[in-house]
Amino acid sequence: MLEQDYGGAVIAVVPSVAAPDRQSFSDPAREQPRIVVRSSSLQLDSGSAFEVALSLQPRPEFIALINCGQRPPRKWLHSLKEAQEEFDADVVTGPVKAIFDNPPPAWMVAGAHFDRCGVRSGPIARMPAPDNSLIRSATIRSCWPDLFSGRRLETSWIDFAYRMEKSGAVAVWGSEAIVFHSIPASRMTEEWLLTEAYSRAYALARARSRSRPNAMDQAFGRLGAYGRMVAAHVSYGASLGSSHRARLMLARAKGSLAATAGSRRQQETA
């Protein structure tokens, strides 16, 4: 999976594969081995995998992230490192293109719900997801404390991305560092997409709420959530409930509103 043109030493955290182990990929033409830290969601969670990677000696300068369902071209690591060097970035992330195990519904293809795209290489506000990325190890350490323990990786990652942004980490988009993601039939349903839309919107709204320093900012956040809910209901009603886009919009609005309401209750009971 990680046969790459890049010649340096990189550590990759690969969540949710068959069994935890350490595997070195060596090449006689290279002086340094490439080390992959694999983690199983049942035996070694993603936080533990990061801890293993960060504890290796000599300490790695960068850690690469890729999901087990993703297939990178040979130039993947080279493209990530090239973007990192061009912008002296702490974080580089790239596009993901979905490859379906079975022919997907037309609306799913049209909406590109499993793709992650960008325009061109350059600075971005924060990392969009915990995959297809290259991160400076020092940046991970500075934002680390108990963030990933016992929680979903993607939910934790949203908080982590906000912490990196707050710390001043430089994040960039590497448009050439594409990977291809195999989508199983179990995810090719509207129910799966609706659940993911709600969960991600909830986590995003919660992270934004935590990042706002005062009550006024929190109030504007709740007002925005109510506005999104109204717009979602209008879109849903206009389509008579038949639009996949309207249902996804409504799921995101519900997740956002639930997070902001929960944040308000926590403040009131504190």
Protein backbone atom coordinates (compact mmCIF):
# COMPACT_ATOMS: atom_id res chain seq x y z
CA MET A 1 0.00 0.00 0.00
CA LEU A 2 2.78 2.44 0.83
CA GLU A 3 5.19 1.87 -2.06
CA GLN A 4 6.17 5.47 -2.61
CA ASP A 5 8.60 7.56 -4.63
CA TYR A 6 9.43 9.62 -1.54
CA GLY A 7 12.82 8.62 -0.11
CA GLY A 8 12.69 10.00 3.44
CA ALA A 9 11.48 8.38 6.65
CA VAL A 10 7.81 8.98 7.41
CA ILE A 11 5.57 7.40 10.05
CA ALA A 12 1.99 6.67 9.01
CA VAL A 13 -0.88 6.23 11.44
CA VAL A 14 -3.37 3.89 9.82
CA PRO A 15 -6.57 3.54 11.89
CA SER A 16 -8.81 0.47 11.96
CA VAL A 17 -6.92 -2.30 10.21
CA ALA A 18 -6.68 -5.98 11.06
CA ALA A 19 -4.24 -6.03 13.97
CA PRO A 20 -1.84 -3.70 15.77
CA ASP A 21 1.78 -4.09 14.74
CA ARG A 22 4.83 -2.23 13.58
CA GLN A 23 6.02 -2.93 10.09
CA SER A 24 9.09 -1.50 8.40
CA PHE A 25 9.16 -1.02 4.66
CA SER A 26 12.80 -0.90 3.64
CA ASP A 27 14.45 -0.42 0.30
CA PRO A 28 18.15 -1.15 -0.35
CA ALA A 29 18.37 2.14 -2.27
CA ARG A 30 17.30 4.10 0.82
CA GLU A 31 19.33 4.60 3.95
CA GLN A 32 16.33 4.90 6.29
CA PRO A 33 13.37 2.51 6.66
CA ARG A 34 9.84 3.72 6.46
CA ILE A 35 7.87 2.74 9.58
CA VAL A 36 4.13 2.20 9.58
CA VAL A 37 2.24 2.12 12.88
CA ARG A 38 -0.96 0.16 12.41
CA SER A 39 -3.82 0.29 14.88
CA SER A 40 -6.97 -1.78 15.31
CA SER A 41 -10.09 -0.01 16.52
CA LEU A 42 -10.66 -2.92 18.95
CA GLN A 43 -7.13 -3.44 20.25
CA LEU A 44 -5.29 -0.17 19.81
CA ASP A 45 -7.27 3.05 19.39
CA SER A 46 -6.14 5.94 17.23
CA GLY A 47 -4.90 7.93 20.22
CA SER A 48 -2.68 5.02 21.25
CA ALA A 49 -1.39 4.77 17.69
CA PHE A 50 -0.35 8.42 17.80
CA GLU A 51 1.39 7.82 21.12
CA VAL A 52 3.32 4.92 19.64
CA ALA A 53 4.35 7.01 16.65
CA LEU A 54 5.43 9.95 18.79
CA SER A 55 7.45 7.74 21.14
CA LEU A 56 9.63 6.18 18.45
CA GLN A 57 13.34 6.94 18.46
CA PRO A 58 14.74 8.87 16.78
CA ARG A 59 11.72 11.12 16.99
CA PRO A 60 9.97 11.68 13.66
CA GLU A 61 9.67 15.22 12.38
CA PHE A 62 6.44 14.45 10.51
CA ILE A 63 3.63 11.91 10.78
CA ALA A 64 1.52 10.94 7.77
CA LEU A 65 -2.14 9.95 8.12
CA ILE A 66 -4.07 7.67 5.81
CA ASN A 67 -7.13 5.49 6.33
CA CYS A 68 -6.95 1.77 5.65
CA GLY A 69 -9.56 2.06 2.88
CA GLN A 70 -7.51 4.61 0.97
CA ARG A 71 -5.10 3.78 -1.85
CA PRO A 72 -2.36 6.35 -2.54
CA PRO A 73 -0.50 6.69 -5.84
CA ARG A 74 3.29 6.36 -5.71
CA LYS A 75 3.76 10.14 -5.64
CA TRP A 76 1.47 10.63 -2.57
CA LEU A 77 4.10 11.27 0.13
CA HIS A 78 6.29 13.23 -2.27
CA SER A 79 3.34 15.52 -3.10
CA LEU A 80 2.51 16.09 0.59
CA LYS A 81 6.13 16.90 1.44
CA GLU A 82 6.49 19.13 -1.60
CA ALA A 83 3.50 21.24 -0.46
CA GLN A 84 4.86 21.30 3.10
CA GLU A 85 8.22 22.65 1.93
CA GLU A 86 6.68 25.21 -0.44
CA PHE A 87 4.68 26.88 2.35
CA ASP A 88 6.79 25.80 5.37
CA ALA A 89 3.55 24.29 6.64
CA ASP A 90 2.84 22.51 9.92
CA VAL A 91 -0.10 20.65 8.36
CA VAL A 92 -0.76 19.52 4.78
CA THR A 93 -3.92 17.76 3.64
CA GLY A 94 -5.03 16.62 0.21
CA PRO A 95 -8.02 15.51 -1.88
CA VAL A 96 -9.88 12.21 -1.59
CA LYS A 97 -11.68 10.60 -4.52
CA ALA A 98 -14.30 7.92 -3.84
CA ILE A 99 -14.15 4.55 -5.60
CA PHE A 100 -17.37 2.58 -5.06
CA ASP A 101 -17.45 -1.18 -4.52
CA ASN A 102 -20.85 -1.30 -6.25
CA PRO A 103 -22.50 1.15 -8.66
CA PRO A 104 -23.86 3.97 -6.46
CA PRO A 105 -27.19 5.80 -6.87
CA ALA A 106 -27.05 8.68 -9.35
CA TRP A 107 -27.83 11.29 -6.65
CA MET A 108 -24.86 10.09 -4.59
CA VAL A 109 -22.47 10.49 -7.50
CA ALA A 110 -23.89 13.90 -8.40
CA GLY A 111 -23.49 15.16 -4.82
CA ALA A 112 -19.90 13.86 -4.48
CA HIS A 113 -20.74 13.10 -0.83
CA PHE A 114 -17.66 10.94 -0.30
CA ASP A 115 -15.17 13.14 -2.16
CA ARG A 116 -13.00 15.84 -0.68
CA CYS A 117 -11.95 18.42 -3.24
CA GLY A 118 -10.05 21.67 -3.37
CA VAL A 119 -9.18 24.33 -5.89
CA ARG A 120 -5.40 24.72 -5.78
CA SER A 121 -2.52 24.32 -3.36
CA GLY A 122 -2.34 27.01 -0.70
CA PRO A 123 -3.27 28.04 2.84
CA ILE A 124 -6.51 26.78 4.42
CA ALA A 125 -8.17 27.60 7.75
CA ARG A 126 -7.91 24.14 9.31
CA MET A 127 -7.62 20.44 8.51
CA PRO A 128 -10.90 18.97 7.21
CA ALA A 129 -10.46 15.32 8.31
CA PRO A 130 -8.08 12.83 9.97
CA ASP A 131 -6.77 11.29 6.76
CA ASN A 132 -4.54 11.98 3.77
CA SER A 133 -2.43 14.40 5.75
CA LEU A 134 1.12 15.18 6.81
CA ILE A 135 1.56 16.86 10.21
CA ARG A 136 4.60 18.17 12.02
CA SER A 137 5.09 16.05 15.14
CA ALA A 138 5.72 19.11 17.30
CA THR A 139 2.30 20.44 16.29
CA ILE A 140 0.62 17.22 17.40
CA ARG A 141 2.42 17.32 20.75
CA SER A 142 1.43 20.94 21.39
CA CYS A 143 -2.28 20.19 20.83
CA TRP A 144 -2.32 16.69 22.24
CA PRO A 145 -3.49 16.31 25.88
CA ASP A 146 -5.97 13.38 26.19
CA LEU A 147 -7.82 14.53 23.10
CA PHE A 148 -8.38 11.16 21.44
CA SER A 149 -8.97 8.94 24.47
CA GLY A 150 -12.16 6.87 24.16
CA ARG A 151 -13.74 9.02 21.43
CA ARG A 152 -14.52 8.72 17.73
CA LEU A 153 -11.51 9.76 15.70
CA GLU A 154 -13.40 12.17 13.43
CA THR A 155 -15.18 13.83 16.36
CA SER A 156 -11.88 14.20 18.20
CA TRP A 157 -10.22 15.47 15.06
CA ILE A 158 -12.56 18.42 14.72
CA ASP A 159 -11.54 19.58 18.20
CA PHE A 160 -7.91 18.90 17.32
CA ALA A 161 -8.19 20.96 14.13
CA TYR A 162 -9.54 23.92 16.09
CA ARG A 163 -6.72 23.59 18.62
CA MET A 164 -4.17 23.63 15.82
CA GLU A 165 -5.77 26.71 14.30
CA LYS A 166 -5.77 28.47 17.68
CA SER A 167 -2.11 27.57 18.22
CA GLY A 168 -1.18 29.35 14.98
CA ALA A 169 -0.29 26.21 13.02
CA VAL A 170 0.09 26.81 9.28
CA ALA A 171 -2.26 24.51 7.33
CA VAL A 172 -2.19 24.16 3.53
CA TRP A 173 -4.02 22.24 0.83
CA GLY A 174 -1.88 20.00 -1.37
CA SER A 175 -3.93 19.55 -4.53
CA GLU A 176 -1.54 16.98 -6.05
CA ALA A 177 -1.59 14.63 -3.02
CA ILE A 178 -4.74 12.74 -3.99
CA VAL A 179 -5.75 9.35 -2.58
CA PHE A 180 -8.53 7.01 -3.69
CA HIS A 181 -11.01 5.78 -1.08
CA SER A 182 -12.89 2.50 -1.52
CA ILE A 183 -16.52 2.94 -0.36
CA PRO A 184 -18.24 -0.29 0.77
CA ALA A 185 -21.88 -1.00 0.01
CA SER A 186 -22.76 -0.53 3.71
CA ARG A 187 -22.04 3.19 3.41
CA MET A 188 -23.86 3.70 0.13
CA THR A 189 -27.18 4.51 1.81
CA GLU A 190 -29.00 7.68 2.66
CA GLU A 191 -29.33 6.56 6.30
CA TRP A 192 -25.55 6.32 6.67
CA LEU A 193 -25.04 9.76 5.13
CA LEU A 194 -27.74 11.31 7.35
CA THR A 195 -26.13 9.90 10.50
CA GLU A 196 -22.70 11.17 9.44
CA ALA A 197 -24.11 14.59 8.52
CA TYR A 198 -25.74 14.96 11.96
CA SER A 199 -22.65 13.75 13.86
CA ARG A 200 -20.22 15.95 11.96
CA ALA A 201 -22.43 19.04 12.27
CA TYR A 202 -22.79 18.38 16.01
CA ALA A 203 -19.02 18.07 16.47
CA LEU A 204 -18.31 21.17 14.37
CA ALA A 205 -20.83 23.30 16.28
CA ARG A 206 -19.49 22.07 19.60
CA ALA A 207 -15.90 22.86 18.62
CA ARG A 208 -16.90 26.34 17.42
CA SER A 209 -18.79 26.93 20.69
CA ARG A 210 -15.76 25.97 22.73
CA SER A 211 -13.56 28.28 20.71
CA ARG A 212 -15.76 31.32 21.34
CA PRO A 213 -14.47 33.25 24.36
CA ASN A 214 -17.55 35.16 25.46
CA ALA A 215 -21.34 34.95 25.83
CA MET A 216 -22.02 37.26 22.87
CA ASP A 217 -20.13 35.00 20.48
CA GLN A 218 -21.94 31.99 21.91
CA ALA A 219 -25.31 33.74 21.39
CA PHE A 220 -24.47 34.48 17.74
CA GLY A 221 -23.53 30.84 17.31
CA ARG A 222 -26.92 29.71 18.60
CA LEU A 223 -28.68 32.26 16.41
CA GLY A 224 -26.84 30.90 13.38
CA ALA A 225 -27.88 27.36 14.30
CA TYR A 226 -31.55 28.40 14.52
CA GLY A 227 -31.23 30.14 11.15
CA ARG A 228 -29.83 26.99 9.55
CA MET A 229 -32.70 24.98 11.02
CA VAL A 230 -35.29 27.36 9.55
CA ALA A 231 -33.58 27.29 6.14
CA ALA A 232 -33.42 23.48 6.25
CA HIS A 233 -37.14 23.19 7.05
CA VAL A 234 -37.97 25.57 4.19
CA SER A 235 -35.86 23.52 1.78
CA TYR A 236 -37.37 20.27 3.06
CA GLY A 237 -40.93 21.61 2.71
CA ALA A 238 -40.29 23.00 -0.77
CA SER A 239 -39.12 19.59 -1.94
CA LEU A 240 -42.03 17.84 -0.13
CA GLY A 241 -39.44 15.74 1.65
CA SER A 242 -38.28 14.10 -1.57
CA SER A 243 -34.89 15.79 -1.93
CA HIS A 244 -31.78 13.98 -0.64
CA ARG A 245 -30.07 17.35 -0.40
CA ALA A 246 -32.89 18.78 1.74
CA ARG A 247 -32.79 15.82 4.13
CA LEU A 248 -29.03 16.11 4.52
CA MET A 249 -29.39 19.84 5.10
CA LEU A 250 -31.97 19.14 7.80
CA ALA A 251 -29.74 16.54 9.48
CA ARG A 252 -26.85 19.02 9.61
CA ALA A 253 -29.12 21.73 11.02
CA LYS A 254 -30.40 19.39 13.74
CA GLY A 255 -26.86 18.40 14.70
CA SER A 256 -25.72 22.00 14.88
CA LEU A 257 -28.73 23.07 16.93
CA ALA A 258 -28.35 20.12 19.34
CA ALA A 259 -24.72 21.04 19.99
CA THR A 260 -25.40 24.71 20.65
CA ALA A 261 -28.35 23.88 22.92
CA GLY A 262 -26.19 21.42 24.85
CA SER A 263 -23.46 24.02 25.24
CA ARG A 264 -25.99 26.49 26.66
CA ARG A 265 -27.30 23.95 29.19
CA GLN A 266 -23.73 23.22 30.33
CA GLN A 267 -23.12 26.93 30.90
CA GLU A 268 -26.37 27.34 32.84
CA THR A 269 -25.61 24.42 35.16
CA ALA A 270 -21.93 25.29 35.68
